[in-house]
Amino acid sequence: MPTQDTTQLTDQQWIDGTVKKMMALDEGLGDEDLKEFVTDLAARPNWRALSPDDAATKAFGELEPPEGR
């Protein structure tokens, strides 16, 4: 997925947007578990560079957060 300039979003805006999109894609996901998972992703530059929508879509292909930052 191409990266976009997401630097105009605060970390909290990025996290909230990603969680919202993930919950829309799978309504069975728990909000608190997602926030913890997405907060970890937000600390990783390769994930944070993605838009919240792209990060949410990509996260469904990941069983757990990637190892490297």
C-alpha atoms as a PDB file:
ATOM      1  CA  MET A   1       0.000   0.000   0.000  1.00  0.00           C
ATOM      2  CA  PRO A   2       1.328   3.446  -0.767  1.00  0.00           C
ATOM      3  CA  THR A   3       2.149   5.647   2.165  1.00  0.00           C
ATOM      4  CA  GLN A   4       0.564   9.045   2.620  1.00  0.00           C
ATOM      5  CA  ASP A   5       1.540  12.085   4.654  1.00  0.00           C
ATOM      6  CA  THR A   6      -0.325  11.470   7.885  1.00  0.00           C
ATOM      7  CA  THR A   7       1.757  13.916   9.920  1.00  0.00           C
ATOM      8  CA  GLN A   8      -1.183  16.322  10.117  1.00  0.00           C
ATOM      9  CA  LEU A   9      -3.023  13.793  12.271  1.00  0.00           C
ATOM     10  CA  THR A  10      -2.213  13.577  15.947  1.00  0.00           C
ATOM     11  CA  ASP A  11      -1.388  10.105  17.203  1.00  0.00           C
ATOM     12  CA  GLN A  12      -4.761   9.995  18.944  1.00  0.00           C
ATOM     13  CA  GLN A  13      -6.605  10.974  15.745  1.00  0.00           C
ATOM     14  CA  TRP A  14      -4.725   8.271  13.834  1.00  0.00           C
ATOM     15  CA  ILE A  15      -5.475   5.669  16.513  1.00  0.00           C
ATOM     16  CA  ASP A  16      -9.152   6.623  16.717  1.00  0.00           C
ATOM     17  CA  GLY A  17      -9.530   6.573  12.937  1.00  0.00           C
ATOM     18  CA  THR A  18      -7.832   3.206  12.602  1.00  0.00           C
ATOM     19  CA  VAL A  19      -9.883   1.655  15.416  1.00  0.00           C
ATOM     20  CA  LYS A  20     -13.104   3.048  13.918  1.00  0.00           C
ATOM     21  CA  LYS A  21     -12.298   1.575  10.500  1.00  0.00           C
ATOM     22  CA  MET A  22     -11.327  -1.797  11.964  1.00  0.00           C
ATOM     23  CA  MET A  23     -14.583  -1.957  13.919  1.00  0.00           C
ATOM     24  CA  ALA A  24     -16.495  -1.111  10.733  1.00  0.00           C
ATOM     25  CA  LEU A  25     -14.734  -3.955   8.926  1.00  0.00           C
ATOM     26  CA  ASP A  26     -15.447  -6.454  11.726  1.00  0.00           C
ATOM     27  CA  GLU A  27     -18.141  -5.492  14.226  1.00  0.00           C
ATOM     28  CA  GLY A  28     -17.160  -8.393  16.489  1.00  0.00           C
ATOM     29  CA  LEU A  29     -13.860  -6.803  17.490  1.00  0.00           C
ATOM     30  CA  GLY A  30     -13.520  -5.375  20.995  1.00  0.00           C
ATOM     31  CA  ASP A  31     -12.803  -1.655  21.333  1.00  0.00           C
ATOM     32  CA  GLU A  32     -10.287  -1.891  24.187  1.00  0.00           C
ATOM     33  CA  ASP A  33      -8.264  -4.715  22.630  1.00  0.00           C
ATOM     34  CA  LEU A  34      -8.165  -2.829  19.347  1.00  0.00           C
ATOM     35  CA  LYS A  35      -6.993   0.377  21.001  1.00  0.00           C
ATOM     36  CA  GLU A  36      -4.082  -1.448  22.612  1.00  0.00           C
ATOM     37  CA  PHE A  37      -3.151  -3.134  19.313  1.00  0.00           C
ATOM     38  CA  VAL A  38      -3.468   0.064  17.258  1.00  0.00           C
ATOM     39  CA  THR A  39      -1.578   2.143  19.839  1.00  0.00           C
ATOM     40  CA  ASP A  40       1.317  -0.264  19.397  1.00  0.00           C
ATOM     41  CA  LEU A  41       1.096   0.132  15.612  1.00  0.00           C
ATOM     42  CA  ALA A  42       1.070   3.944  15.944  1.00  0.00           C
ATOM     43  CA  ALA A  43       4.557   3.787  17.467  1.00  0.00           C
ATOM     44  CA  ARG A  44       5.895   2.115  14.318  1.00  0.00           C
ATOM     45  CA  PRO A  45       6.807   4.577  11.548  1.00  0.00           C
ATOM     46  CA  ASN A  46       5.979   2.183   8.720  1.00  0.00           C
ATOM     47  CA  TRP A  47       2.440   1.777  10.071  1.00  0.00           C
ATOM     48  CA  ARG A  48       2.005   5.399  11.167  1.00  0.00           C
ATOM     49  CA  ALA A  49       2.811   6.537   7.632  1.00  0.00           C
ATOM     50  CA  LEU A  50      -0.331   4.776   6.383  1.00  0.00           C
ATOM     51  CA  SER A  51      -3.714   6.449   6.457  1.00  0.00           C
ATOM     52  CA  PRO A  52      -6.004   5.104   9.190  1.00  0.00           C
ATOM     53  CA  ASP A  53      -8.134   3.342   6.545  1.00  0.00           C
ATOM     54  CA  ASP A  54      -5.116   1.699   4.919  1.00  0.00           C
ATOM     55  CA  ALA A  55      -3.640   0.711   8.290  1.00  0.00           C
ATOM     56  CA  ALA A  56      -6.927  -0.866   9.375  1.00  0.00           C
ATOM     57  CA  THR A  57      -7.210  -2.836   6.148  1.00  0.00           C
ATOM     58  CA  LYS A  58      -3.587  -3.981   6.335  1.00  0.00           C
ATOM     59  CA  ALA A  59      -3.906  -4.946  10.014  1.00  0.00           C
ATOM     60  CA  PHE A  60      -6.433  -7.623   9.131  1.00  0.00           C
ATOM     61  CA  GLY A  61      -3.611  -9.405   7.316  1.00  0.00           C
ATOM     62  CA  GLU A  62      -1.407  -9.305  10.423  1.00  0.00           C
ATOM     63  CA  LEU A  63      -1.882 -11.779  13.246  1.00  0.00           C
ATOM     64  CA  GLU A  64       0.117  -9.585  15.585  1.00  0.00           C
ATOM     65  CA  PRO A  65       1.994  -6.277  15.287  1.00  0.00           C
ATOM     66  CA  PRO A  66       5.154  -6.501  13.201  1.00  0.00           C
ATOM     67  CA  GLU A  67       8.402  -7.083  15.098  1.00  0.00           C
ATOM     68  CA  GLY A  68      10.542  -4.250  13.722  1.00  0.00           C
ATOM     69  CA  ARG A  69       9.957  -0.529  13.893  1.00  0.00           C
END
